C-alpha cells in the first residue's frame, strides 16, 4: 500500500491524489472548524471566518506562482469547460478573430465552444498524428490583431505538454488545468490562465482564474453577469456563493506546498516521477509504446499502449488488484494512462514500473 490508512496508488486522471497531511487536517476541521462550532461546508461565505480562509488561499496561491499585483485571482465554479465558453464570451468581440492552438482533446473542446461565440482561426492542429506532440509556439504565425491566443499547456488524454511559457504577439490565454503549480510560470507572459482544481490543487468544484486587470477591463459589453469576469472581480469571487469547501481544501494544499518547497520542488518531483515511468516504457524492448513524441512527453499524464487492446485491459485489471488503480486509458486513445499529479508519491511510480516489468516478462 502507498501510505497509512490502507491507501492505494491512485493513477486516476482526476480528481487527484491529495497530500495525506492535508486530508488529515481537513478531517480535524470537518465538524468544528477552529472552534467555530461548524464545518466550513456550513458557514456563511460572507462570514469573517470564511473571508479569512479565502484571503489566505489567494495570498498563498499568489506566493506560489509569483502572481503580480496587477493580476486578479478569482475562485469560480463550473470547471475549465465553463471557461471554454466564458473566455470567448468576454473577449471575442464582433469583428475579431481568436487564434487557437489545438494539441489534444481539451484544446479541441475549447475551440468547439469558441466557434459558437464568434470567429476563430485554428493556427495549429495535431489531429493528423492523433495529437502526439506540441508545436514550437514561437515558430507559429499569429496575427497581432487577434482577440487572444488560446492553448492548453498539458493534455491529459494524449499526454503531451508544453514545457515553457511562450511570449507571443497577442493576448495569451492558457488552460493550465492539469499542470498548474507543477513548475514556475512567468505570469507576465499571459493575459489569463485558468485551471480546474481537481488535478493539482484540490477537490473538484473550484476553478482558479488569473487574469491581468487590463485584460478583464477589455471584455465585451452586455454579458450575463454570472459569466462576466469583471463582475466576479468586482465582487471578489462572490458574485454568487463560491464553492467554499473546495476553496478551503485548495488553501490547505497551497500551505502544504509552500512548506515543502513550492513549485520548484514540485517540478523536481514531477520530473523524477515521470522519468521512472518513461524509463520503464523505453526499456521494455517495444512491449510498451509511448504515445507522445519524446520532446512533448507530459510529466503529468504518461500514456502508452501494449501490443493489443485486450492486453491493455488485462494490464489495467491486474494492476488494480495490485493496488495500482485508475490506469485504463481514455476511450479517445485507449491503452494505458498513468496520471501522476503533484501529490502523487514517487513510490507509486516505482511500484508501477516494477509491475510493468513483471507483466512484460509474463506476456511478452
Protein backbone atom coordinates (compact mmCIF):
# COMPACT_ATOMS: atom_id res chain seq x y z
CA UNK A 1 0.00 0.00 0.00
CA UNK A 2 1.05 3.55 -0.72
CA UNK A 3 0.62 5.19 2.69
CA UNK A 4 -1.19 4.97 6.02
CA UNK A 5 -4.94 4.25 6.06
CA UNK A 6 -4.52 1.42 3.52
CA UNK A 7 -4.46 3.93 0.67
CA UNK A 8 -3.84 2.63 -2.84
CA UNK A 9 -1.84 4.31 -5.59
CA UNK A 10 -4.43 6.40 -7.43
CA UNK A 11 -3.42 6.99 -11.05
CA UNK A 12 -6.80 8.46 -11.97
CA UNK A 13 -6.82 11.47 -14.32
CA UNK A 14 -8.89 13.37 -11.78
CA UNK A 15 -9.99 14.08 -9.16
CA UNK A 16 -6.42 13.83 -8.00
CA UNK A 17 -4.47 12.32 -5.16
CA UNK A 18 -4.22 14.81 -2.29
CA UNK A 19 -1.43 15.04 0.30
CA UNK A 20 -2.21 12.91 3.33
CA UNK A 21 -1.34 15.74 5.78
CA UNK A 22 -3.92 17.93 4.00
CA UNK A 23 -6.59 15.24 4.30
CA UNK A 24 -5.73 14.76 7.98
CA UNK A 25 -6.07 18.49 8.71
CA UNK A 26 -9.37 18.64 6.83
CA UNK A 27 -10.60 15.68 8.86
CA UNK A 28 -9.83 17.51 12.08
CA UNK A 29 -11.70 20.59 10.88
CA UNK A 30 -14.63 18.76 9.32
CA UNK A 31 -17.11 19.01 12.18
CA UNK A 32 -15.82 22.07 14.01
CA UNK A 33 -13.55 24.48 12.14
CA UNK A 34 -11.15 26.22 14.53
CA UNK A 35 -13.70 26.35 17.34
CA UNK A 36 -16.45 27.98 15.30
CA UNK A 37 -18.82 25.11 16.10
CA UNK A 38 -19.48 24.32 12.45
CA UNK A 39 -17.85 22.93 9.34
CA UNK A 40 -16.50 25.09 6.53
CA UNK A 41 -19.24 23.43 4.45
CA UNK A 42 -21.83 25.02 6.76
CA UNK A 43 -20.54 28.52 7.40
CA UNK A 44 -21.68 31.61 5.53
CA UNK A 45 -19.44 32.63 2.66
CA UNK A 46 -19.95 36.19 3.94
CA UNK A 47 -18.66 35.33 7.40
CA UNK A 48 -15.43 36.70 8.82
CA UNK A 49 -14.13 33.14 9.19
CA UNK A 50 -14.61 32.20 5.56
CA UNK A 51 -13.32 35.59 4.43
CA UNK A 52 -10.06 34.76 6.19
CA UNK A 53 -9.94 31.32 4.51
CA UNK A 54 -10.44 32.89 1.09
CA UNK A 55 -7.87 35.63 1.68
CA UNK A 56 -5.25 33.14 2.89
CA UNK A 57 -5.85 30.84 -0.08
CA UNK A 58 -5.40 33.71 -2.54
CA UNK A 59 -2.29 35.03 -0.79
CA UNK A 60 -0.64 31.61 -0.74
CA UNK A 61 -1.53 30.91 -4.38
CA UNK A 62 -0.03 34.27 -5.35
CA UNK A 63 3.10 33.42 -3.42
CA UNK A 64 3.47 30.01 -5.08
CA UNK A 65 3.20 31.34 -8.64
CA UNK A 66 4.56 34.83 -8.09
CA UNK A 67 1.35 36.48 -9.31
CA UNK A 68 1.90 40.26 -9.81
CA UNK A 69 -0.35 42.74 -8.03
CA UNK A 70 -1.97 43.91 -11.29
CA UNK A 71 -3.40 40.44 -11.89
CA UNK A 72 -6.63 39.30 -10.28
CA UNK A 73 -7.05 35.83 -8.80
CA UNK A 74 -10.62 34.53 -8.95
CA UNK A 75 -12.15 31.38 -7.48
CA UNK A 76 -15.02 30.39 -9.77
CA UNK A 77 -17.29 27.41 -10.41
CA UNK A 78 -18.01 25.27 -13.44
CA UNK A 79 -14.63 23.74 -14.20
CA UNK A 80 -12.42 24.50 -17.18
CA UNK A 81 -15.27 23.61 -19.54
CA UNK A 82 -17.15 26.70 -18.37
CA UNK A 83 -14.04 28.75 -19.11
CA UNK A 84 -14.10 27.39 -22.67
CA UNK A 85 -17.30 29.40 -23.10
CA UNK A 86 -16.57 32.36 -20.81
CA UNK A 87 -13.30 33.30 -22.49
CA UNK A 88 -14.82 33.94 -25.94
CA UNK A 89 -17.98 35.43 -24.41
CA UNK A 90 -15.85 38.05 -22.69
CA UNK A 91 -13.01 38.66 -25.12
CA UNK A 92 -14.05 37.61 -28.63
CA UNK A 93 -15.92 40.69 -29.79
CA UNK A 94 -17.73 41.22 -33.08
CA UNK A 95 -15.33 41.72 -35.97
CA UNK A 96 -12.46 40.00 -34.15
CA UNK A 97 -10.85 36.59 -34.62
CA UNK A 98 -9.34 34.42 -31.87
CA UNK A 99 -6.41 32.09 -32.53
CA UNK A 100 -6.41 28.54 -31.16
CA UNK A 101 -3.57 26.03 -30.95
CA UNK A 102 -5.10 22.56 -30.62
CA UNK A 103 -2.87 19.86 -29.16
CA UNK A 104 -5.44 17.39 -27.86
CA UNK A 105 -8.95 16.56 -26.75
CA UNK A 106 -9.42 19.51 -24.38
CA UNK A 107 -7.96 22.09 -26.71
CA UNK A 108 -10.40 20.86 -29.36
CA UNK A 109 -13.27 21.22 -26.88
CA UNK A 110 -12.21 24.81 -26.13
CA UNK A 111 -12.18 25.62 -29.84
CA UNK A 112 -15.57 23.99 -30.33
CA UNK A 113 -17.07 26.20 -27.62
CA UNK A 114 -15.47 29.34 -29.02
CA UNK A 115 -16.86 28.66 -32.50
CA UNK A 116 -20.34 29.04 -31.04
CA UNK A 117 -19.50 32.58 -29.94
CA UNK A 118 -17.50 34.07 -32.82
CA UNK A 119 -14.81 33.68 -35.43
CA UNK A 120 -11.82 31.50 -34.61
CA UNK A 121 -8.68 30.53 -36.50
CA UNK A 122 -7.01 27.17 -35.95
CA UNK A 123 -3.34 28.13 -36.10
CA UNK A 124 -2.10 24.60 -35.45
CA UNK A 125 -3.83 21.25 -35.04
CA UNK A 126 -2.16 17.95 -34.15
CA UNK A 127 -5.15 15.77 -35.01
CA UNK A 128 -3.49 14.20 -38.08
CA UNK A 129 -0.97 12.47 -35.80
CA UNK A 130 -3.53 11.78 -33.07
CA UNK A 131 -2.15 14.66 -31.02
CA UNK A 132 1.19 13.06 -30.19
CA UNK A 133 3.21 16.28 -29.98
CA UNK A 134 3.09 20.01 -29.32
CA UNK A 135 4.43 22.65 -31.71
CA UNK A 136 7.12 25.26 -31.19
CA UNK A 137 4.81 28.16 -30.35
CA UNK A 138 7.45 30.73 -31.28
CA UNK A 139 7.61 29.30 -34.81
CA UNK A 140 3.86 29.61 -35.48
CA UNK A 141 2.38 32.59 -37.29
CA UNK A 142 -0.07 34.56 -35.17
CA UNK A 143 -1.93 37.75 -36.01
CA UNK A 144 -1.08 40.63 -33.71
CA UNK A 145 -4.70 41.81 -34.02
CA UNK A 146 -6.13 38.53 -32.69
CA UNK A 147 -8.57 38.91 -29.84
CA UNK A 148 -6.43 36.38 -27.97
CA UNK A 149 -4.37 33.21 -28.50
CA UNK A 150 -5.58 30.12 -26.64
CA UNK A 151 -3.71 26.89 -25.90
CA UNK A 152 -3.72 24.04 -23.40
CA UNK A 153 -0.45 23.60 -21.54
CA UNK A 154 -0.93 19.89 -20.83
CA UNK A 155 -3.30 17.46 -22.50
CA UNK A 156 -4.39 14.78 -20.05
CA UNK A 157 -5.72 12.29 -22.59
CA UNK A 158 -2.88 12.26 -25.13
CA UNK A 159 -0.17 13.03 -22.58
CA UNK A 160 1.59 15.93 -24.33
CA UNK A 161 2.83 19.06 -22.62
CA UNK A 162 4.42 22.44 -23.28
CA UNK A 163 7.46 22.91 -21.05
CA UNK A 164 7.85 26.71 -21.14
CA UNK A 165 5.91 29.98 -21.34
CA UNK A 166 5.75 31.45 -24.85
CA UNK A 167 5.93 35.21 -25.40
CA UNK A 168 3.57 35.95 -28.30
CA UNK A 169 2.22 38.93 -30.21
CA UNK A 170 -1.34 38.92 -28.86
CA UNK A 171 -3.04 38.30 -25.52
CA UNK A 172 -2.21 34.75 -24.43
CA UNK A 173 -4.84 32.63 -22.67
CA UNK A 174 -3.91 29.20 -21.31
CA UNK A 175 -5.83 26.29 -19.87
CA UNK A 176 -3.42 25.01 -17.19
CA UNK A 177 -5.91 22.70 -15.51
CA UNK A 178 -3.66 19.65 -15.43
CA UNK A 179 -0.22 21.11 -14.75
CA UNK A 180 -0.87 24.22 -12.65
CA UNK A 181 1.65 24.55 -9.79
CA UNK A 182 3.87 21.83 -11.25
CA UNK A 183 6.54 24.30 -12.38
CA UNK A 184 7.40 28.00 -12.16
CA UNK A 185 5.35 30.16 -14.56
CA UNK A 186 6.11 33.60 -15.96
CA UNK A 187 2.67 35.11 -15.34
CA UNK A 188 3.54 38.29 -17.23
CA UNK A 189 3.59 36.27 -20.48
CA UNK A 190 -0.13 35.61 -20.12
CA UNK A 191 -3.24 37.74 -20.24
CA UNK A 192 -5.07 34.95 -18.47
CA UNK A 193 -4.61 31.42 -17.18
CA UNK A 194 -7.27 29.17 -15.73
CA UNK A 195 -7.25 25.78 -14.05
CA UNK A 196 -9.76 23.40 -12.57
CA UNK A 197 -8.56 22.44 -9.10
CA UNK A 198 -9.08 18.70 -9.33
CA UNK A 199 -5.74 17.78 -10.89
CA UNK A 200 -3.08 19.51 -8.78
CA UNK A 201 -4.78 21.80 -6.26
CA UNK A 202 -7.72 20.20 -4.50
CA UNK A 203 -11.12 18.60 -4.98
CA UNK A 204 -13.43 19.28 -7.90
CA UNK A 205 -15.72 22.28 -7.64
CA UNK A 206 -13.49 25.33 -7.99
CA UNK A 207 -11.63 26.80 -10.95
CA UNK A 208 -8.86 29.32 -10.36
CA UNK A 209 -8.61 32.17 -12.88
CA UNK A 210 -5.61 34.50 -13.02
CA UNK A 211 -6.08 37.47 -15.35
CA UNK A 212 -4.50 40.87 -15.80
CA UNK A 213 -6.69 43.79 -14.82
CA UNK A 214 -6.25 45.30 -18.29
CA UNK A 215 -7.46 42.11 -19.95
CA UNK A 216 -10.50 41.91 -17.69
CA UNK A 217 -11.35 45.53 -18.45
CA UNK A 218 -11.20 44.84 -22.21
CA UNK A 219 -14.14 42.43 -22.05
CA UNK A 220 -17.22 42.91 -24.21
CA UNK A 221 -20.37 44.68 -23.04
CA UNK A 222 -23.72 43.03 -22.47
CA UNK A 223 -22.50 39.78 -20.90
CA UNK A 224 -24.75 37.99 -18.45
CA UNK A 225 -23.36 38.97 -15.02
CA UNK A 226 -22.62 35.40 -13.92
CA UNK A 227 -20.37 34.95 -16.99
CA UNK A 228 -18.70 38.38 -16.74
CA UNK A 229 -15.14 38.27 -15.36
CA UNK A 230 -15.32 41.93 -14.40
CA UNK A 231 -18.34 41.23 -12.19
CA UNK A 232 -16.57 38.36 -10.47
CA UNK A 233 -13.52 40.57 -9.94
CA UNK A 234 -15.60 43.46 -8.61
CA UNK A 235 -17.27 41.09 -6.15
CA UNK A 236 -14.05 39.36 -5.06
CA UNK A 237 -15.21 35.95 -6.37
CA UNK A 238 -18.53 36.28 -4.54
CA UNK A 239 -20.83 37.17 -7.40
CA UNK A 240 -22.68 34.08 -6.19
CA UNK A 241 -21.98 31.63 -3.38
CA UNK A 242 -18.48 30.28 -4.05
CA UNK A 243 -17.51 26.60 -3.63
CA UNK A 244 -16.42 27.17 -0.05
CA UNK A 245 -15.19 23.69 0.86
CA UNK A 246 -13.18 23.31 -2.35
CA UNK A 247 -11.54 26.70 -1.79
CA UNK A 248 -10.71 25.74 1.79
CA UNK A 249 -9.12 22.47 0.58
CA UNK A 250 -7.09 24.32 -2.06
CA UNK A 251 -5.87 26.65 0.65
CA UNK A 252 -4.60 23.68 2.65
CA UNK A 253 -2.80 22.33 -0.42
CA UNK A 254 -1.18 25.73 -1.06
CA UNK A 255 0.11 25.91 2.51
CA UNK A 256 1.43 22.36 2.27
CA UNK A 257 3.23 23.19 -0.98
CA UNK A 258 4.80 26.33 0.48
CA UNK A 259 6.04 24.29 3.44
CA UNK A 260 7.56 21.61 1.19
CA UNK A 261 9.50 23.70 -1.31
CA UNK A 262 6.86 25.30 -3.55
CA UNK A 263 6.70 24.88 -7.32
CA UNK A 264 10.46 24.38 -7.71
CA UNK A 265 10.31 21.29 -5.51
CA UNK A 266 7.12 20.20 -7.25
CA UNK A 267 8.82 20.42 -10.64
CA UNK A 268 11.72 18.25 -9.46
CA UNK A 269 9.35 15.59 -8.15
CA UNK A 270 7.27 15.71 -11.33
CA UNK A 271 10.40 15.08 -13.37
CA UNK A 272 11.51 12.23 -11.10
CA UNK A 273 8.12 10.50 -11.18
CA UNK A 274 7.66 10.68 -14.93
CA UNK A 275 11.27 9.66 -15.61
CA UNK A 276 10.72 6.37 -13.76
CA UNK A 277 7.76 5.50 -15.98
CA UNK A 278 9.27 6.66 -19.26
CA UNK A 279 12.37 4.59 -18.48
CA UNK A 280 10.13 1.55 -18.00
CA UNK A 281 8.47 2.21 -21.37
CA UNK A 282 11.70 2.85 -23.26
CA UNK A 283 13.43 -0.13 -21.68
CA UNK A 284 10.69 -2.64 -22.50
CA UNK A 285 12.05 -3.60 -25.90
CA UNK A 286 8.95 -2.32 -27.65
CA UNK A 287 6.40 -4.15 -25.49
CA UNK A 288 5.20 -0.77 -24.22
CA UNK A 289 4.92 2.08 -26.75
CA UNK A 290 4.64 5.66 -25.57
CA UNK A 291 2.08 7.78 -27.38
CA UNK A 292 3.76 11.18 -27.09
CA UNK A 293 6.85 12.22 -29.03
CA UNK A 294 9.83 12.34 -26.68
CA UNK A 295 10.18 16.14 -26.74
CA UNK A 296 6.48 16.55 -25.95
CA UNK A 297 6.08 13.99 -23.18
CA UNK A 298 3.92 15.07 -20.28
CA UNK A 299 5.17 14.94 -16.71
CA UNK A 300 1.55 14.73 -15.55
CA UNK A 301 -0.02 12.03 -17.73
CA UNK A 302 2.10 9.16 -19.04
CA UNK A 303 0.27 7.45 -21.91
CA UNK A 304 1.31 4.19 -23.54
CA UNK A 305 -0.06 1.16 -25.34
CA UNK A 306 0.54 -2.58 -25.26
CA UNK A 307 0.63 -4.97 -28.25
CA UNK A 308 -3.19 -5.31 -28.18
CA UNK A 309 -6.11 -3.52 -26.55
CA UNK A 310 -7.12 -6.83 -24.98
CA UNK A 311 -3.74 -6.99 -23.27
CA UNK A 312 -4.14 -3.38 -22.15
CA UNK A 313 -7.41 -4.36 -20.47
CA UNK A 314 -5.74 -7.28 -18.73
CA UNK A 315 -2.91 -4.99 -17.61
CA UNK A 316 -5.33 -2.49 -16.06
CA UNK A 317 -7.32 -5.19 -14.26
CA UNK A 318 -4.26 -6.93 -12.83
CA UNK A 319 -2.74 -3.60 -11.83
CA UNK A 320 -5.91 -2.66 -9.94
CA UNK A 321 -5.72 -5.90 -7.97
CA UNK A 322 -2.14 -4.97 -7.09
CA UNK A 323 -3.26 -1.61 -5.66
CA UNK A 324 -2.45 0.41 -8.80
CA UNK A 325 -5.79 2.00 -9.66
CA UNK A 326 -7.14 4.18 -12.49
CA UNK A 327 -4.77 3.12 -15.27
CA UNK A 328 -7.22 2.42 -18.07
CA UNK A 329 -6.67 4.88 -20.91
CA UNK A 330 -9.32 7.34 -22.05
CA UNK A 331 -11.75 5.98 -24.65
CA UNK A 332 -10.45 8.54 -27.18
CA UNK A 333 -6.98 6.95 -27.13
CA UNK A 334 -7.18 3.57 -25.44
CA UNK A 335 -4.15 1.89 -23.94
CA UNK A 336 -2.90 2.88 -20.51
CA UNK A 337 -2.68 6.26 -18.82
CA UNK A 338 -0.84 6.93 -15.57
CA UNK A 339 -1.77 10.33 -14.15
CA UNK A 340 0.85 11.45 -11.66
CA UNK A 341 -0.10 14.88 -10.37
CA UNK A 342 1.72 16.92 -7.74
CA UNK A 343 0.72 14.94 -4.65
CA UNK A 344 1.28 11.52 -6.20
CA UNK A 345 4.05 9.63 -4.35
CA UNK A 346 7.23 8.70 -6.19
CA UNK A 347 6.96 5.24 -4.63
CA UNK A 348 3.81 4.67 -6.66
CA UNK A 349 5.70 5.20 -9.91
CA UNK A 350 8.37 2.76 -8.78
CA UNK A 351 5.67 0.23 -7.95
CA UNK A 352 4.07 0.68 -11.37
CA UNK A 353 7.42 0.39 -13.17
CA UNK A 354 8.10 -2.86 -11.30
CA UNK A 355 4.65 -4.15 -12.25
CA UNK A 356 5.26 -3.19 -15.89
CA UNK A 357 8.50 -5.17 -15.96
CA UNK A 358 6.91 -8.23 -14.40
CA UNK A 359 3.85 -8.03 -16.68
CA UNK A 360 6.02 -7.76 -19.81
CA UNK A 361 8.01 -10.85 -18.79
CA UNK A 362 4.81 -12.86 -18.43
CA UNK A 363 3.12 -11.59 -21.58
CA UNK A 364 5.90 -10.53 -23.95
